[in-house]
Amino acid sequence: MVKLLVFLHRRDDLSQEAFDRYYQDTHLPLVKRLPGLRRVVVNRVLPDPTMPAWDLVVEDHFDSPEAMQAALASPEGQAVVADAPNLFDMEKIQFLAVQETE
Protein backbone atom coordinates (compact mmCIF):
# COMPACT_ATOMS: atom_id res chain seq x y z
CA MET A 1 0.00 0.00 0.00
CA VAL A 2 1.26 3.44 -0.97
CA LYS A 3 0.00 6.56 0.74
CA LEU A 4 0.24 10.13 -0.38
CA LEU A 5 0.31 12.32 2.73
CA VAL A 6 -0.83 15.86 2.02
CA PHE A 7 -0.21 18.57 4.63
CA LEU A 8 -2.75 21.36 4.13
CA HIS A 9 -3.13 24.87 5.47
CA ARG A 10 -6.31 26.81 4.80
CA ARG A 11 -6.23 30.19 3.17
CA ASP A 12 -6.00 33.02 5.72
CA ASP A 13 -9.08 34.74 4.26
CA LEU A 14 -11.35 31.74 4.94
CA SER A 15 -13.10 31.25 8.24
CA GLN A 16 -12.86 27.79 9.77
CA GLU A 17 -16.57 27.29 9.11
CA ALA A 18 -16.33 28.26 5.43
CA PHE A 19 -13.23 26.08 5.01
CA ASP A 20 -14.90 23.04 6.63
CA ARG A 21 -18.06 23.41 4.58
CA TYR A 22 -16.26 23.79 1.24
CA TYR A 23 -13.86 20.95 2.01
CA GLN A 24 -16.67 18.53 2.94
CA ASP A 25 -19.16 19.55 0.26
CA THR A 26 -16.91 20.30 -2.72
CA HIS A 27 -13.24 19.33 -2.43
CA LEU A 28 -13.46 15.94 -0.71
CA PRO A 29 -16.01 14.60 -3.23
CA LEU A 30 -13.50 15.49 -6.00
CA VAL A 31 -10.75 13.60 -4.18
CA LYS A 32 -12.98 10.55 -3.74
CA ARG A 33 -13.39 10.35 -7.54
CA LEU A 34 -9.66 9.72 -8.10
CA PRO A 35 -9.27 6.50 -10.08
CA GLY A 36 -7.52 3.78 -8.09
CA LEU A 37 -8.03 5.54 -4.75
CA ARG A 38 -8.51 2.78 -2.16
CA ARG A 39 -9.07 4.90 0.93
CA VAL A 40 -8.89 8.49 2.06
CA VAL A 41 -8.30 9.47 5.68
CA VAL A 42 -8.73 13.08 6.78
CA ASN A 43 -6.83 14.00 9.94
CA ARG A 44 -7.76 17.29 11.58
CA VAL A 45 -4.73 18.78 13.27
CA LEU A 46 -5.17 19.74 16.91
CA PRO A 47 -3.96 23.25 17.71
CA ASP A 48 -0.45 23.25 19.14
CA PRO A 49 1.76 26.36 19.09
CA THR A 50 4.90 24.19 19.02
CA MET A 51 3.91 22.45 15.76
CA PRO A 52 3.51 23.68 12.17
CA ALA A 53 0.15 25.35 11.56
CA TRP A 54 -1.50 22.79 9.30
CA ASP A 55 -5.25 22.36 9.33
CA LEU A 56 -5.44 18.89 7.78
CA VAL A 57 -3.17 15.97 7.06
CA VAL A 58 -4.83 13.81 4.43
CA GLU A 59 -3.85 10.25 3.56
CA ASP A 60 -4.70 9.06 0.04
CA HIS A 61 -4.18 5.28 -0.27
CA PHE A 62 -3.26 3.56 -3.54
CA ASP A 63 -2.12 0.06 -4.50
CA SER A 64 1.18 1.22 -6.03
CA PRO A 65 3.23 4.27 -6.95
CA GLU A 66 2.07 3.80 -10.54
CA ALA A 67 -1.60 3.84 -9.49
CA MET A 68 -0.97 7.03 -7.50
CA GLN A 69 0.76 8.72 -10.44
CA ALA A 70 -2.01 7.67 -12.83
CA ALA A 71 -4.67 9.07 -10.48
CA LEU A 72 -2.90 12.40 -10.15
CA ALA A 73 -2.43 12.65 -13.93
CA SER A 74 -6.07 11.79 -14.68
CA PRO A 75 -8.78 14.37 -15.42
CA GLU A 76 -10.12 13.72 -11.90
CA GLY A 77 -6.68 14.43 -10.46
CA GLN A 78 -6.44 17.62 -12.45
CA ALA A 79 -9.86 18.67 -11.07
CA VAL A 80 -8.55 18.21 -7.51
CA VAL A 81 -5.47 20.31 -8.31
CA ALA A 82 -7.57 23.02 -9.99
CA ASP A 83 -9.88 23.25 -6.97
CA ALA A 84 -7.12 23.36 -4.33
CA PRO A 85 -6.50 27.17 -4.50
CA ASN A 86 -10.14 27.71 -3.49
CA LEU A 87 -9.25 26.36 -0.04
CA PHE A 88 -5.56 26.04 0.61
CA ASP A 89 -2.54 28.28 0.92
CA MET A 90 -0.72 26.77 -2.05
CA GLU A 91 2.69 27.94 -0.84
CA LYS A 92 2.34 25.89 2.35
CA ILE A 93 1.13 22.59 0.91
CA GLN A 94 3.54 19.71 1.41
CA PHE A 95 3.40 16.19 -0.04
CA LEU A 96 5.04 13.01 1.14
CA ALA A 97 4.66 9.62 -0.56
CA VAL A 98 5.19 6.68 1.82
CA GLN A 99 5.08 2.89 1.75
CA GLU A 100 2.96 1.57 4.60
CA THR A 101 4.13 -1.48 6.54
CA GLU A 102 2.74 -3.01 9.71
C-alpha atoms as a PDB file:
ATOM      1  CA  MET A   1       0.000   0.000   0.000  1.00  0.00           C
ATOM      2  CA  VAL A   2       1.257   3.442  -0.974  1.00  0.00           C
ATOM      3  CA  LYS A   3      -0.002   6.561   0.737  1.00  0.00           C
ATOM      4  CA  LEU A   4       0.243  10.131  -0.385  1.00  0.00           C
ATOM      5  CA  LEU A   5       0.310  12.317   2.729  1.00  0.00           C
ATOM      6  CA  VAL A   6      -0.825  15.857   2.024  1.00  0.00           C
ATOM      7  CA  PHE A   7      -0.213  18.568   4.631  1.00  0.00           C
ATOM      8  CA  LEU A   8      -2.747  21.358   4.134  1.00  0.00           C
ATOM      9  CA  HIS A   9      -3.129  24.868   5.469  1.00  0.00           C
ATOM     10  CA  ARG A  10      -6.311  26.807   4.804  1.00  0.00           C
ATOM     11  CA  ARG A  11      -6.225  30.195   3.173  1.00  0.00           C
ATOM     12  CA  ASP A  12      -6.002  33.017   5.717  1.00  0.00           C
ATOM     13  CA  ASP A  13      -9.076  34.744   4.263  1.00  0.00           C
ATOM     14  CA  LEU A  14     -11.350  31.740   4.938  1.00  0.00           C
ATOM     15  CA  SER A  15     -13.102  31.247   8.242  1.00  0.00           C
ATOM     16  CA  GLN A  16     -12.856  27.792   9.770  1.00  0.00           C
ATOM     17  CA  GLU A  17     -16.565  27.286   9.112  1.00  0.00           C
ATOM     18  CA  ALA A  18     -16.330  28.260   5.432  1.00  0.00           C
ATOM     19  CA  PHE A  19     -13.233  26.082   5.014  1.00  0.00           C
ATOM     20  CA  ASP A  20     -14.897  23.038   6.634  1.00  0.00           C
ATOM     21  CA  ARG A  21     -18.063  23.414   4.578  1.00  0.00           C
ATOM     22  CA  TYR A  22     -16.261  23.788   1.243  1.00  0.00           C
ATOM     23  CA  TYR A  23     -13.863  20.948   2.010  1.00  0.00           C
ATOM     24  CA  GLN A  24     -16.674  18.530   2.942  1.00  0.00           C
ATOM     25  CA  ASP A  25     -19.160  19.546   0.257  1.00  0.00           C
ATOM     26  CA  THR A  26     -16.906  20.305  -2.715  1.00  0.00           C
ATOM     27  CA  HIS A  27     -13.244  19.326  -2.432  1.00  0.00           C
ATOM     28  CA  LEU A  28     -13.458  15.940  -0.706  1.00  0.00           C
ATOM     29  CA  PRO A  29     -16.008  14.597  -3.232  1.00  0.00           C
ATOM     30  CA  LEU A  30     -13.503  15.493  -5.997  1.00  0.00           C
ATOM     31  CA  VAL A  31     -10.750  13.598  -4.181  1.00  0.00           C
ATOM     32  CA  LYS A  32     -12.979  10.553  -3.737  1.00  0.00           C
ATOM     33  CA  ARG A  33     -13.387  10.348  -7.542  1.00  0.00           C
ATOM     34  CA  LEU A  34      -9.663   9.721  -8.100  1.00  0.00           C
ATOM     35  CA  PRO A  35      -9.272   6.495 -10.081  1.00  0.00           C
ATOM     36  CA  GLY A  36      -7.519   3.784  -8.086  1.00  0.00           C
ATOM     37  CA  LEU A  37      -8.032   5.539  -4.746  1.00  0.00           C
ATOM     38  CA  ARG A  38      -8.509   2.785  -2.163  1.00  0.00           C
ATOM     39  CA  ARG A  39      -9.073   4.903   0.926  1.00  0.00           C
ATOM     40  CA  VAL A  40      -8.894   8.489   2.059  1.00  0.00           C
ATOM     41  CA  VAL A  41      -8.302   9.472   5.682  1.00  0.00           C
ATOM     42  CA  VAL A  42      -8.730  13.076   6.778  1.00  0.00           C
ATOM     43  CA  ASN A  43      -6.829  13.996   9.944  1.00  0.00           C
ATOM     44  CA  ARG A  44      -7.763  17.290  11.576  1.00  0.00           C
ATOM     45  CA  VAL A  45      -4.728  18.781  13.274  1.00  0.00           C
ATOM     46  CA  LEU A  46      -5.166  19.736  16.913  1.00  0.00           C
ATOM     47  CA  PRO A  47      -3.958  23.252  17.709  1.00  0.00           C
ATOM     48  CA  ASP A  48      -0.447  23.248  19.145  1.00  0.00           C
ATOM     49  CA  PRO A  49       1.760  26.359  19.092  1.00  0.00           C
ATOM     50  CA  THR A  50       4.897  24.190  19.017  1.00  0.00           C
ATOM     51  CA  MET A  51       3.910  22.451  15.765  1.00  0.00           C
ATOM     52  CA  PRO A  52       3.510  23.683  12.167  1.00  0.00           C
ATOM     53  CA  ALA A  53       0.155  25.350  11.564  1.00  0.00           C
ATOM     54  CA  TRP A  54      -1.502  22.793   9.295  1.00  0.00           C
ATOM     55  CA  ASP A  55      -5.255  22.361   9.333  1.00  0.00           C
ATOM     56  CA  LEU A  56      -5.437  18.891   7.781  1.00  0.00           C
ATOM     57  CA  VAL A  57      -3.167  15.974   7.061  1.00  0.00           C
ATOM     58  CA  VAL A  58      -4.834  13.814   4.427  1.00  0.00           C
ATOM     59  CA  GLU A  59      -3.848  10.245   3.555  1.00  0.00           C
ATOM     60  CA  ASP A  60      -4.701   9.060   0.040  1.00  0.00           C
ATOM     61  CA  HIS A  61      -4.182   5.282  -0.266  1.00  0.00           C
ATOM     62  CA  PHE A  62      -3.258   3.559  -3.542  1.00  0.00           C
ATOM     63  CA  ASP A  63      -2.118   0.056  -4.497  1.00  0.00           C
ATOM     64  CA  SER A  64       1.175   1.218  -6.031  1.00  0.00           C
ATOM     65  CA  PRO A  65       3.234   4.272  -6.952  1.00  0.00           C
ATOM     66  CA  GLU A  66       2.066   3.798 -10.544  1.00  0.00           C
ATOM     67  CA  ALA A  67      -1.600   3.840  -9.492  1.00  0.00           C
ATOM     68  CA  MET A  68      -0.974   7.030  -7.502  1.00  0.00           C
ATOM     69  CA  GLN A  69       0.765   8.720 -10.445  1.00  0.00           C
ATOM     70  CA  ALA A  70      -2.013   7.675 -12.830  1.00  0.00           C
ATOM     71  CA  ALA A  71      -4.667   9.067 -10.475  1.00  0.00           C
ATOM     72  CA  LEU A  72      -2.904  12.400 -10.155  1.00  0.00           C
ATOM     73  CA  ALA A  73      -2.430  12.655 -13.929  1.00  0.00           C
ATOM     74  CA  SER A  74      -6.069  11.789 -14.675  1.00  0.00           C
ATOM     75  CA  PRO A  75      -8.782  14.366 -15.417  1.00  0.00           C
ATOM     76  CA  GLU A  76     -10.123  13.717 -11.896  1.00  0.00           C
ATOM     77  CA  GLY A  77      -6.677  14.426 -10.457  1.00  0.00           C
ATOM     78  CA  GLN A  78      -6.442  17.624 -12.446  1.00  0.00           C
ATOM     79  CA  ALA A  79      -9.862  18.669 -11.074  1.00  0.00           C
ATOM     80  CA  VAL A  80      -8.546  18.215  -7.514  1.00  0.00           C
ATOM     81  CA  VAL A  81      -5.467  20.314  -8.314  1.00  0.00           C
ATOM     82  CA  ALA A  82      -7.566  23.023  -9.992  1.00  0.00           C
ATOM     83  CA  ASP A  83      -9.878  23.254  -6.971  1.00  0.00           C
ATOM     84  CA  ALA A  84      -7.119  23.364  -4.328  1.00  0.00           C
ATOM     85  CA  PRO A  85      -6.498  27.166  -4.496  1.00  0.00           C
ATOM     86  CA  ASN A  86     -10.138  27.711  -3.487  1.00  0.00           C
ATOM     87  CA  LEU A  87      -9.247  26.362  -0.037  1.00  0.00           C
ATOM     88  CA  PHE A  88      -5.563  26.041   0.606  1.00  0.00           C
ATOM     89  CA  ASP A  89      -2.540  28.277   0.922  1.00  0.00           C
ATOM     90  CA  MET A  90      -0.724  26.771  -2.051  1.00  0.00           C
ATOM     91  CA  GLU A  91       2.693  27.945  -0.839  1.00  0.00           C
ATOM     92  CA  LYS A  92       2.342  25.893   2.351  1.00  0.00           C
ATOM     93  CA  ILE A  93       1.128  22.588   0.913  1.00  0.00           C
ATOM     94  CA  GLN A  94       3.540  19.712   1.406  1.00  0.00           C
ATOM     95  CA  PHE A  95       3.401  16.191  -0.039  1.00  0.00           C
ATOM     96  CA  LEU A  96       5.042  13.006   1.142  1.00  0.00           C
ATOM     97  CA  ALA A  97       4.661   9.622  -0.560  1.00  0.00           C
ATOM     98  CA  VAL A  98       5.191   6.680   1.821  1.00  0.00           C
ATOM     99  CA  GLN A  99       5.078   2.885   1.745  1.00  0.00           C
ATOM    100  CA  GLU A 100       2.958   1.573   4.596  1.00  0.00           C
ATOM    101  CA  THR A 101       4.128  -1.481   6.536  1.00  0.00           C
ATOM    102  CA  GLU A 102       2.736  -3.006   9.711  1.00  0.00           C
END
